[in-house]
mmCIF file of all heavy atoms, coordinates in Angstrom:
data_MODEL
# 
_entry.id   MODEL 
# 
loop_
_atom_site.group_PDB 
_atom_site.id 
_atom_site.type_symbol 
_atom_site.label_atom_id 
_atom_site.label_alt_id 
_atom_site.label_comp_id 
_atom_site.label_asym_id 
_atom_site.label_entity_id 
_atom_site.label_seq_id 
_atom_site.pdbx_PDB_ins_code 
_atom_site.Cartn_x 
_atom_site.Cartn_y 
_atom_site.Cartn_z 
_atom_site.occupancy 
_atom_site.B_iso_or_equiv 
_atom_site.pdbx_formal_charge 
_atom_site.auth_seq_id 
_atom_site.auth_comp_id 
_atom_site.auth_asym_id 
_atom_site.auth_atom_id 
_atom_site.pdbx_PDB_model_num 
ATOM 1   N N   . GLY A 1 1  ? 48.563 17.030 114.030 1.00 0.00 ? 1  GLY A N   1 
ATOM 2   C CA  . GLY A 1 1  ? 49.403 15.836 114.063 1.00 0.00 ? 1  GLY A CA  1 
ATOM 3   C C   . GLY A 1 1  ? 50.856 16.170 113.918 1.00 0.00 ? 1  GLY A C   1 
ATOM 4   O O   . GLY A 1 1  ? 51.249 17.328 113.971 1.00 0.00 ? 1  GLY A O   1 
ATOM 5   N N   . LEU A 1 2  ? 51.650 15.162 113.735 1.00 0.00 ? 2  LEU A N   1 
ATOM 6   C CA  . LEU A 1 2  ? 53.077 15.333 113.543 1.00 0.00 ? 2  LEU A CA  1 
ATOM 7   C C   . LEU A 1 2  ? 53.390 15.377 112.057 1.00 0.00 ? 2  LEU A C   1 
ATOM 8   O O   . LEU A 1 2  ? 52.809 14.639 111.270 1.00 0.00 ? 2  LEU A O   1 
ATOM 9   C CB  . LEU A 1 2  ? 53.853 14.175 114.175 1.00 0.00 ? 2  LEU A CB  1 
ATOM 10  C CG  . LEU A 1 2  ? 53.891 14.144 115.698 1.00 0.00 ? 2  LEU A CG  1 
ATOM 11  C CD1 . LEU A 1 2  ? 54.508 12.844 116.157 1.00 0.00 ? 2  LEU A CD1 1 
ATOM 12  C CD2 . LEU A 1 2  ? 54.661 15.310 116.232 1.00 0.00 ? 2  LEU A CD2 1 
ATOM 13  N N   . ILE A 1 3  ? 54.310 16.238 111.677 1.00 0.00 ? 3  ILE A N   1 
ATOM 14  C CA  . ILE A 1 3  ? 54.738 16.299 110.284 1.00 0.00 ? 3  ILE A CA  1 
ATOM 15  C C   . ILE A 1 3  ? 56.255 16.352 110.244 1.00 0.00 ? 3  ILE A C   1 
ATOM 16  O O   . ILE A 1 3  ? 56.906 16.683 111.226 1.00 0.00 ? 3  ILE A O   1 
ATOM 17  C CB  . ILE A 1 3  ? 54.155 17.521 109.544 1.00 0.00 ? 3  ILE A CB  1 
ATOM 18  C CG1 . ILE A 1 3  ? 54.585 18.817 110.230 1.00 0.00 ? 3  ILE A CG1 1 
ATOM 19  C CG2 . ILE A 1 3  ? 52.655 17.436 109.440 1.00 0.00 ? 3  ILE A CG2 1 
ATOM 20  C CD1 . ILE A 1 3  ? 54.130 20.049 109.500 1.00 0.00 ? 3  ILE A CD1 1 
ATOM 21  N N   . ILE A 1 4  ? 56.795 16.047 109.104 1.00 0.00 ? 4  ILE A N   1 
ATOM 22  C CA  . ILE A 1 4  ? 58.245 16.075 108.906 1.00 0.00 ? 4  ILE A CA  1 
ATOM 23  C C   . ILE A 1 4  ? 58.552 16.993 107.729 1.00 0.00 ? 4  ILE A C   1 
ATOM 24  O O   . ILE A 1 4  ? 57.884 16.945 106.705 1.00 0.00 ? 4  ILE A O   1 
ATOM 25  C CB  . ILE A 1 4  ? 58.797 14.664 108.627 1.00 0.00 ? 4  ILE A CB  1 
ATOM 26  C CG1 . ILE A 1 4  ? 58.587 13.761 109.851 1.00 0.00 ? 4  ILE A CG1 1 
ATOM 27  C CG2 . ILE A 1 4  ? 60.279 14.711 108.283 1.00 0.00 ? 4  ILE A CG2 1 
ATOM 28  C CD1 . ILE A 1 4  ? 59.017 12.343 109.612 1.00 0.00 ? 4  ILE A CD1 1 
ATOM 29  N N   . ILE A 1 5  ? 59.573 17.815 107.889 1.00 0.00 ? 5  ILE A N   1 
ATOM 30  C CA  . ILE A 1 5  ? 59.976 18.752 106.850 1.00 0.00 ? 5  ILE A CA  1 
ATOM 31  C C   . ILE A 1 5  ? 61.425 18.470 106.484 1.00 0.00 ? 5  ILE A C   1 
ATOM 32  O O   . ILE A 1 5  ? 62.233 18.103 107.330 1.00 0.00 ? 5  ILE A O   1 
ATOM 33  C CB  . ILE A 1 5  ? 59.827 20.205 107.336 1.00 0.00 ? 5  ILE A CB  1 
ATOM 34  C CG1 . ILE A 1 5  ? 58.369 20.480 107.689 1.00 0.00 ? 5  ILE A CG1 1 
ATOM 35  C CG2 . ILE A 1 5  ? 60.289 21.186 106.270 1.00 0.00 ? 5  ILE A CG2 1 
ATOM 36  C CD1 . ILE A 1 5  ? 58.139 21.870 108.206 1.00 0.00 ? 5  ILE A CD1 1 
ATOM 37  N N   . ARG A 1 6  ? 61.753 18.651 105.217 1.00 0.00 ? 6  ARG A N   1 
ATOM 38  C CA  . ARG A 1 6  ? 63.145 18.475 104.801 1.00 0.00 ? 6  ARG A CA  1 
ATOM 39  C C   . ARG A 1 6  ? 64.041 19.490 105.518 1.00 0.00 ? 6  ARG A C   1 
ATOM 40  O O   . ARG A 1 6  ? 63.640 20.613 105.767 1.00 0.00 ? 6  ARG A O   1 
ATOM 41  C CB  . ARG A 1 6  ? 63.280 18.679 103.298 1.00 0.00 ? 6  ARG A CB  1 
ATOM 42  C CG  . ARG A 1 6  ? 62.581 17.658 102.437 1.00 0.00 ? 6  ARG A CG  1 
ATOM 43  C CD  . ARG A 1 6  ? 62.833 17.946 100.975 1.00 0.00 ? 6  ARG A CD  1 
ATOM 44  N NE  . ARG A 1 6  ? 62.521 19.332 100.647 1.00 0.00 ? 6  ARG A NE  1 
ATOM 45  C CZ  . ARG A 1 6  ? 63.081 20.023 99.655  1.00 0.00 ? 6  ARG A CZ  1 
ATOM 46  N NH1 . ARG A 1 6  ? 63.988 19.454 98.899  1.00 0.00 ? 6  ARG A NH1 1 
ATOM 47  N NH2 . ARG A 1 6  ? 62.743 21.270 99.420  1.00 0.00 ? 6  ARG A NH2 1 
ATOM 48  N N   . TYR A 1 7  ? 65.253 19.079 105.816 1.00 0.00 ? 7  TYR A N   1 
ATOM 49  C CA  . TYR A 1 7  ? 66.185 19.989 106.482 1.00 0.00 ? 7  TYR A CA  1 
ATOM 50  C C   . TYR A 1 7  ? 66.456 21.226 105.636 1.00 0.00 ? 7  TYR A C   1 
ATOM 51  O O   . TYR A 1 7  ? 66.630 22.316 106.167 1.00 0.00 ? 7  TYR A O   1 
ATOM 52  C CB  . TYR A 1 7  ? 67.498 19.266 106.781 1.00 0.00 ? 7  TYR A CB  1 
ATOM 53  C CG  . TYR A 1 7  ? 67.444 18.394 108.007 1.00 0.00 ? 7  TYR A CG  1 
ATOM 54  C CD1 . TYR A 1 7  ? 67.445 17.015 107.896 1.00 0.00 ? 7  TYR A CD1 1 
ATOM 55  C CD2 . TYR A 1 7  ? 67.385 18.950 109.281 1.00 0.00 ? 7  TYR A CD2 1 
ATOM 56  C CE1 . TYR A 1 7  ? 67.386 16.208 109.018 1.00 0.00 ? 7  TYR A CE1 1 
ATOM 57  C CE2 . TYR A 1 7  ? 67.324 18.155 110.403 1.00 0.00 ? 7  TYR A CE2 1 
ATOM 58  C CZ  . TYR A 1 7  ? 67.327 16.781 110.272 1.00 0.00 ? 7  TYR A CZ  1 
ATOM 59  O OH  . TYR A 1 7  ? 67.268 15.993 111.380 1.00 0.00 ? 7  TYR A OH  1 
ATOM 60  N N   . VAL A 1 8  ? 66.509 21.050 104.304 1.00 0.00 ? 8  VAL A N   1 
ATOM 61  C CA  . VAL A 1 8  ? 66.731 22.209 103.437 1.00 0.00 ? 8  VAL A CA  1 
ATOM 62  C C   . VAL A 1 8  ? 65.679 23.272 103.690 1.00 0.00 ? 8  VAL A C   1 
ATOM 63  O O   . VAL A 1 8  ? 65.976 24.464 103.800 1.00 0.00 ? 8  VAL A O   1 
ATOM 64  C CB  . VAL A 1 8  ? 66.730 21.782 101.958 1.00 0.00 ? 8  VAL A CB  1 
ATOM 65  C CG1 . VAL A 1 8  ? 66.610 23.004 101.049 1.00 0.00 ? 8  VAL A CG1 1 
ATOM 66  C CG2 . VAL A 1 8  ? 68.007 21.020 101.613 1.00 0.00 ? 8  VAL A CG2 1 
ATOM 67  N N   . ASP A 1 9  ? 64.406 22.844 103.799 1.00 0.00 ? 9  ASP A N   1 
ATOM 68  C CA  . ASP A 1 9  ? 63.328 23.806 104.019 1.00 0.00 ? 9  ASP A CA  1 
ATOM 69  C C   . ASP A 1 9  ? 63.444 24.462 105.396 1.00 0.00 ? 9  ASP A C   1 
ATOM 70  O O   . ASP A 1 9  ? 63.134 25.647 105.562 1.00 0.00 ? 9  ASP A O   1 
ATOM 71  C CB  . ASP A 1 9  ? 61.973 23.118 103.878 1.00 0.00 ? 9  ASP A CB  1 
ATOM 72  C CG  . ASP A 1 9  ? 61.757 22.577 102.468 1.00 0.00 ? 9  ASP A CG  1 
ATOM 73  O OD1 . ASP A 1 9  ? 62.187 23.269 101.524 1.00 0.00 ? 9  ASP A OD1 1 
ATOM 74  O OD2 . ASP A 1 9  ? 61.191 21.496 102.305 1.00 0.00 ? 9  ASP A OD2 1 
ATOM 75  N N   . CYS A 1 10 ? 63.867 23.694 106.389 1.00 0.00 ? 10 CYS A N   1 
ATOM 76  C CA  . CYS A 1 10 ? 64.076 24.276 107.725 1.00 0.00 ? 10 CYS A CA  1 
ATOM 77  C C   . CYS A 1 10 ? 65.160 25.353 107.677 1.00 0.00 ? 10 CYS A C   1 
ATOM 78  O O   . CYS A 1 10 ? 65.027 26.405 108.298 1.00 0.00 ? 10 CYS A O   1 
ATOM 79  C CB  . CYS A 1 10 ? 64.479 23.189 108.715 1.00 0.00 ? 10 CYS A CB  1 
ATOM 80  S SG  . CYS A 1 10 ? 63.143 22.076 109.171 1.00 0.00 ? 10 CYS A SG  1 
ATOM 81  N N   . ILE A 1 11 ? 66.247 25.083 106.954 1.00 0.00 ? 11 ILE A N   1 
ATOM 82  C CA  . ILE A 1 11 ? 67.350 26.043 106.858 1.00 0.00 ? 11 ILE A CA  1 
ATOM 83  C C   . ILE A 1 11 ? 66.901 27.296 106.128 1.00 0.00 ? 11 ILE A C   1 
ATOM 84  O O   . ILE A 1 11 ? 67.227 28.420 106.540 1.00 0.00 ? 11 ILE A O   1 
ATOM 85  C CB  . ILE A 1 11 ? 68.563 25.395 106.159 1.00 0.00 ? 11 ILE A CB  1 
ATOM 86  C CG1 . ILE A 1 11 ? 69.114 24.248 107.013 1.00 0.00 ? 11 ILE A CG1 1 
ATOM 87  C CG2 . ILE A 1 11 ? 69.658 26.424 105.894 1.00 0.00 ? 11 ILE A CG2 1 
ATOM 88  C CD1 . ILE A 1 11 ? 70.136 23.390 106.298 1.00 0.00 ? 11 ILE A CD1 1 
ATOM 89  N N   . VAL A 1 12 ? 66.147 27.134 105.040 1.00 0.00 ? 12 VAL A N   1 
ATOM 90  C CA  . VAL A 1 12 ? 65.640 28.286 104.295 1.00 0.00 ? 12 VAL A CA  1 
ATOM 91  C C   . VAL A 1 12 ? 64.809 29.174 105.209 1.00 0.00 ? 12 VAL A C   1 
ATOM 92  O O   . VAL A 1 12 ? 64.920 30.405 105.182 1.00 0.00 ? 12 VAL A O   1 
ATOM 93  C CB  . VAL A 1 12 ? 64.802 27.818 103.084 1.00 0.00 ? 12 VAL A CB  1 
ATOM 94  C CG1 . VAL A 1 12 ? 64.034 28.985 102.474 1.00 0.00 ? 12 VAL A CG1 1 
ATOM 95  C CG2 . VAL A 1 12 ? 65.699 27.176 102.038 1.00 0.00 ? 12 VAL A CG2 1 
ATOM 96  N N   . HIS A 1 13 ? 64.003 28.561 106.047 1.00 0.00 ? 13 HIS A N   1 
ATOM 97  C CA  . HIS A 1 13 ? 63.116 29.323 106.934 1.00 0.00 ? 13 HIS A CA  1 
ATOM 98  C C   . HIS A 1 13 ? 63.857 29.889 108.139 1.00 0.00 ? 13 HIS A C   1 
ATOM 99  O O   . HIS A 1 13 ? 63.765 31.079 108.440 1.00 0.00 ? 13 HIS A O   1 
ATOM 100 C CB  . HIS A 1 13 ? 61.971 28.416 107.373 1.00 0.00 ? 13 HIS A CB  1 
ATOM 101 C CG  . HIS A 1 13 ? 61.057 29.024 108.384 1.00 0.00 ? 13 HIS A CG  1 
ATOM 102 N ND1 . HIS A 1 13 ? 60.516 30.286 108.252 1.00 0.00 ? 13 HIS A ND1 1 
ATOM 103 C CD2 . HIS A 1 13 ? 60.584 28.550 109.573 1.00 0.00 ? 13 HIS A CD2 1 
ATOM 104 C CE1 . HIS A 1 13 ? 59.749 30.555 109.300 1.00 0.00 ? 13 HIS A CE1 1 
ATOM 105 N NE2 . HIS A 1 13 ? 59.789 29.528 110.112 1.00 0.00 ? 13 HIS A NE2 1 
ATOM 106 N N   . ARG A 1 14 ? 64.622 29.035 108.817 1.00 0.00 ? 14 ARG A N   1 
ATOM 107 C CA  . ARG A 1 14 ? 65.199 29.444 110.102 1.00 0.00 ? 14 ARG A CA  1 
ATOM 108 C C   . ARG A 1 14 ? 66.546 30.151 109.975 1.00 0.00 ? 14 ARG A C   1 
ATOM 109 O O   . ARG A 1 14 ? 66.850 31.047 110.761 1.00 0.00 ? 14 ARG A O   1 
ATOM 110 C CB  . ARG A 1 14 ? 65.361 28.225 111.009 1.00 0.00 ? 14 ARG A CB  1 
ATOM 111 C CG  . ARG A 1 14 ? 64.044 27.640 111.467 1.00 0.00 ? 14 ARG A CG  1 
ATOM 112 C CD  . ARG A 1 14 ? 64.302 26.576 112.496 1.00 0.00 ? 14 ARG A CD  1 
ATOM 113 N NE  . ARG A 1 14 ? 63.061 26.080 113.053 1.00 0.00 ? 14 ARG A NE  1 
ATOM 114 C CZ  . ARG A 1 14 ? 62.997 25.119 113.968 1.00 0.00 ? 14 ARG A CZ  1 
ATOM 115 N NH1 . ARG A 1 14 ? 64.118 24.578 114.411 1.00 0.00 ? 14 ARG A NH1 1 
ATOM 116 N NH2 . ARG A 1 14 ? 61.847 24.708 114.430 1.00 0.00 ? 14 ARG A NH2 1 
ATOM 117 N N   . ILE A 1 15 ? 67.365 29.724 109.039 1.00 0.00 ? 15 ILE A N   1 
ATOM 118 C CA  . ILE A 1 15 ? 68.705 30.297 108.907 1.00 0.00 ? 15 ILE A CA  1 
ATOM 119 C C   . ILE A 1 15 ? 68.701 31.500 107.967 1.00 0.00 ? 15 ILE A C   1 
ATOM 120 O O   . ILE A 1 15 ? 69.339 32.520 108.243 1.00 0.00 ? 15 ILE A O   1 
ATOM 121 C CB  . ILE A 1 15 ? 69.716 29.242 108.413 1.00 0.00 ? 15 ILE A CB  1 
ATOM 122 C CG1 . ILE A 1 15 ? 69.686 27.997 109.317 1.00 0.00 ? 15 ILE A CG1 1 
ATOM 123 C CG2 . ILE A 1 15 ? 71.116 29.829 108.345 1.00 0.00 ? 15 ILE A CG2 1 
ATOM 124 C CD1 . ILE A 1 15 ? 70.049 28.276 110.761 1.00 0.00 ? 15 ILE A CD1 1 
ATOM 125 N N   . PHE A 1 16 ? 67.970 31.384 106.855 1.00 0.00 ? 16 PHE A N   1 
ATOM 126 C CA  . PHE A 1 16 ? 67.933 32.481 105.884 1.00 0.00 ? 16 PHE A CA  1 
ATOM 127 C C   . PHE A 1 16 ? 66.793 33.468 106.153 1.00 0.00 ? 16 PHE A C   1 
ATOM 128 O O   . PHE A 1 16 ? 66.788 34.559 105.594 1.00 0.00 ? 16 PHE A O   1 
ATOM 129 C CB  . PHE A 1 16 ? 67.804 31.927 104.465 1.00 0.00 ? 16 PHE A CB  1 
ATOM 130 C CG  . PHE A 1 16 ? 69.085 31.387 103.904 1.00 0.00 ? 16 PHE A CG  1 
ATOM 131 C CD1 . PHE A 1 16 ? 69.496 30.093 104.194 1.00 0.00 ? 16 PHE A CD1 1 
ATOM 132 C CD2 . PHE A 1 16 ? 69.894 32.169 103.099 1.00 0.00 ? 16 PHE A CD2 1 
ATOM 133 C CE1 . PHE A 1 16 ? 70.685 29.590 103.685 1.00 0.00 ? 16 PHE A CE1 1 
ATOM 134 C CE2 . PHE A 1 16 ? 71.084 31.678 102.584 1.00 0.00 ? 16 PHE A CE2 1 
ATOM 135 C CZ  . PHE A 1 16 ? 71.477 30.389 102.875 1.00 0.00 ? 16 PHE A CZ  1 
ATOM 136 N N   . GLY A 1 17 ? 65.830 33.076 106.973 1.00 0.00 ? 17 GLY A N   1 
ATOM 137 C CA  . GLY A 1 17 ? 64.751 33.993 107.314 1.00 0.00 ? 17 GLY A CA  1 
ATOM 138 C C   . GLY A 1 17 ? 63.697 34.156 106.246 1.00 0.00 ? 17 GLY A C   1 
ATOM 139 O O   . GLY A 1 17 ? 62.949 35.140 106.242 1.00 0.00 ? 17 GLY A O   1 
ATOM 140 N N   . VAL A 1 18 ? 63.607 33.190 105.307 1.00 0.00 ? 18 VAL A N   1 
ATOM 141 C CA  . VAL A 1 18 ? 62.580 33.264 104.268 1.00 0.00 ? 18 VAL A CA  1 
ATOM 142 C C   . VAL A 1 18 ? 61.221 32.970 104.894 1.00 0.00 ? 18 VAL A C   1 
ATOM 143 O O   . VAL A 1 18 ? 61.074 32.022 105.670 1.00 0.00 ? 18 VAL A O   1 
ATOM 144 C CB  . VAL A 1 18 ? 62.878 32.256 103.132 1.00 0.00 ? 18 VAL A CB  1 
ATOM 145 C CG1 . VAL A 1 18 ? 61.753 32.249 102.102 1.00 0.00 ? 18 VAL A CG1 1 
ATOM 146 C CG2 . VAL A 1 18 ? 64.203 32.589 102.481 1.00 0.00 ? 18 VAL A CG2 1 
ATOM 147 N N   . ALA A 1 19 ? 60.227 33.772 104.544 1.00 0.00 ? 19 ALA A N   1 
ATOM 148 C CA  . ALA A 1 19 ? 58.893 33.597 105.110 1.00 0.00 ? 19 ALA A CA  1 
ATOM 149 C C   . ALA A 1 19 ? 58.348 32.207 104.803 1.00 0.00 ? 19 ALA A C   1 
ATOM 150 O O   . ALA A 1 19 ? 58.526 31.686 103.699 1.00 0.00 ? 19 ALA A O   1 
ATOM 151 C CB  . ALA A 1 19 ? 57.953 34.668 104.573 1.00 0.00 ? 19 ALA A CB  1 
ATOM 152 N N   . TYR A 1 20 ? 57.679 31.607 105.770 1.00 0.00 ? 20 TYR A N   1 
ATOM 153 C CA  . TYR A 1 20 ? 57.132 30.249 105.626 1.00 0.00 ? 20 TYR A CA  1 
ATOM 154 C C   . TYR A 1 20 ? 55.628 30.354 105.386 1.00 0.00 ? 20 TYR A C   1 
ATOM 155 O O   . TYR A 1 20 ? 54.912 30.992 106.157 1.00 0.00 ? 20 TYR A O   1 
ATOM 156 C CB  . TYR A 1 20 ? 57.426 29.446 106.894 1.00 0.00 ? 20 TYR A CB  1 
ATOM 157 C CG  . TYR A 1 20 ? 56.844 28.061 106.879 1.00 0.00 ? 20 TYR A CG  1 
ATOM 158 C CD1 . TYR A 1 20 ? 57.408 27.065 106.094 1.00 0.00 ? 20 TYR A CD1 1 
ATOM 159 C CD2 . TYR A 1 20 ? 55.734 27.737 107.657 1.00 0.00 ? 20 TYR A CD2 1 
ATOM 160 C CE1 . TYR A 1 20 ? 56.897 25.786 106.078 1.00 0.00 ? 20 TYR A CE1 1 
ATOM 161 C CE2 . TYR A 1 20 ? 55.215 26.466 107.652 1.00 0.00 ? 20 TYR A CE2 1 
ATOM 162 C CZ  . TYR A 1 20 ? 55.790 25.485 106.857 1.00 0.00 ? 20 TYR A CZ  1 
ATOM 163 O OH  . TYR A 1 20 ? 55.272 24.226 106.846 1.00 0.00 ? 20 TYR A OH  1 
ATOM 164 N N   . ASP A 1 21 ? 55.142 29.694 104.302 1.00 0.00 ? 21 ASP A N   1 
ATOM 165 C CA  . ASP A 1 21 ? 53.738 29.811 103.930 1.00 0.00 ? 21 ASP A CA  1 
ATOM 166 C C   . ASP A 1 21 ? 53.022 28.476 104.016 1.00 0.00 ? 21 ASP A C   1 
ATOM 167 O O   . ASP A 1 21 ? 51.984 28.277 103.398 1.00 0.00 ? 21 ASP A O   1 
ATOM 168 C CB  . ASP A 1 21 ? 53.631 30.382 102.505 1.00 0.00 ? 21 ASP A CB  1 
ATOM 169 C CG  . ASP A 1 21 ? 52.208 30.813 102.162 1.00 0.00 ? 21 ASP A CG  1 
ATOM 170 O OD1 . ASP A 1 21 ? 51.500 31.238 103.091 1.00 0.00 ? 21 ASP A OD1 1 
ATOM 171 O OD2 . ASP A 1 21 ? 51.826 30.678 100.994 1.00 0.00 ? 21 ASP A OD2 1 
ATOM 172 N N   . GLY A 1 22 ? 53.585 27.545 104.761 1.00 0.00 ? 22 GLY A N   1 
ATOM 173 C CA  . GLY A 1 22 ? 52.959 26.237 104.897 1.00 0.00 ? 22 GLY A CA  1 
ATOM 174 C C   . GLY A 1 22 ? 52.105 26.160 106.146 1.00 0.00 ? 22 GLY A C   1 
ATOM 175 O O   . GLY A 1 22 ? 51.663 27.183 106.684 1.00 0.00 ? 22 GLY A O   1 
ATOM 176 N N   . PRO A 1 23 ? 51.862 24.943 106.631 1.00 0.00 ? 23 PRO A N   1 
ATOM 177 C CA  . PRO A 1 23 ? 51.061 24.778 107.848 1.00 0.00 ? 23 PRO A CA  1 
ATOM 178 C C   . PRO A 1 23 ? 51.690 25.504 109.032 1.00 0.00 ? 23 PRO A C   1 
ATOM 179 O O   . PRO A 1 23 ? 52.902 25.554 109.171 1.00 0.00 ? 23 PRO A O   1 
ATOM 180 C CB  . PRO A 1 23 ? 51.098 23.259 108.064 1.00 0.00 ? 23 PRO A CB  1 
ATOM 181 C CG  . PRO A 1 23 ? 51.429 22.680 106.738 1.00 0.00 ? 23 PRO A CG  1 
ATOM 182 C CD  . PRO A 1 23 ? 52.306 23.673 106.054 1.00 0.00 ? 23 PRO A CD  1 
ATOM 183 N N   . LYS A 1 24 ? 50.861 26.093 109.860 1.00 0.00 ? 24 LYS A N   1 
ATOM 184 C CA  . LYS A 1 24 ? 51.368 26.748 111.061 1.00 0.00 ? 24 LYS A CA  1 
ATOM 185 C C   . LYS A 1 24 ? 51.807 25.674 112.043 1.00 0.00 ? 24 LYS A C   1 
ATOM 186 O O   . LYS A 1 24 ? 51.089 24.718 112.298 1.00 0.00 ? 24 LYS A O   1 
ATOM 187 C CB  . LYS A 1 24 ? 50.285 27.630 111.676 1.00 0.00 ? 24 LYS A CB  1 
ATOM 188 C CG  . LYS A 1 24 ? 49.879 28.794 110.785 1.00 0.00 ? 24 LYS A CG  1 
ATOM 189 C CD  . LYS A 1 24 ? 48.819 29.647 111.465 1.00 0.00 ? 24 LYS A CD  1 
ATOM 190 C CE  . LYS A 1 24 ? 48.432 30.821 110.571 1.00 0.00 ? 24 LYS A CE  1 
ATOM 191 N NZ  . LYS A 1 24 ? 47.381 31.653 111.188 1.00 0.00 ? 24 LYS A NZ  1 
ATOM 192 N N   . MET A 1 25 ? 53.004 25.878 112.592 1.00 0.00 ? 25 MET A N   1 
ATOM 193 C CA  . MET A 1 25 ? 53.567 24.834 113.443 1.00 0.00 ? 25 MET A CA  1 
ATOM 194 C C   . MET A 1 25 ? 54.040 25.405 114.771 1.00 0.00 ? 25 MET A C   1 
ATOM 195 O O   . MET A 1 25 ? 54.335 26.583 114.884 1.00 0.00 ? 25 MET A O   1 
ATOM 196 C CB  . MET A 1 25 ? 54.723 24.147 112.727 1.00 0.00 ? 25 MET A CB  1 
ATOM 197 C CG  . MET A 1 25 ? 54.312 23.386 111.491 1.00 0.00 ? 25 MET A CG  1 
ATOM 198 S SD  . MET A 1 25 ? 55.724 22.640 110.672 1.00 0.00 ? 25 MET A SD  1 
ATOM 199 C CE  . MET A 1 25 ? 56.592 24.098 110.139 1.00 0.00 ? 25 MET A CE  1 
# 
């Protein structure tokens, strides 16, 4: 389904390169 993530979490993952351990998207 569709999910929404906080922008802060997107930045941590995409801009800072922190590994993401949530649902595969």
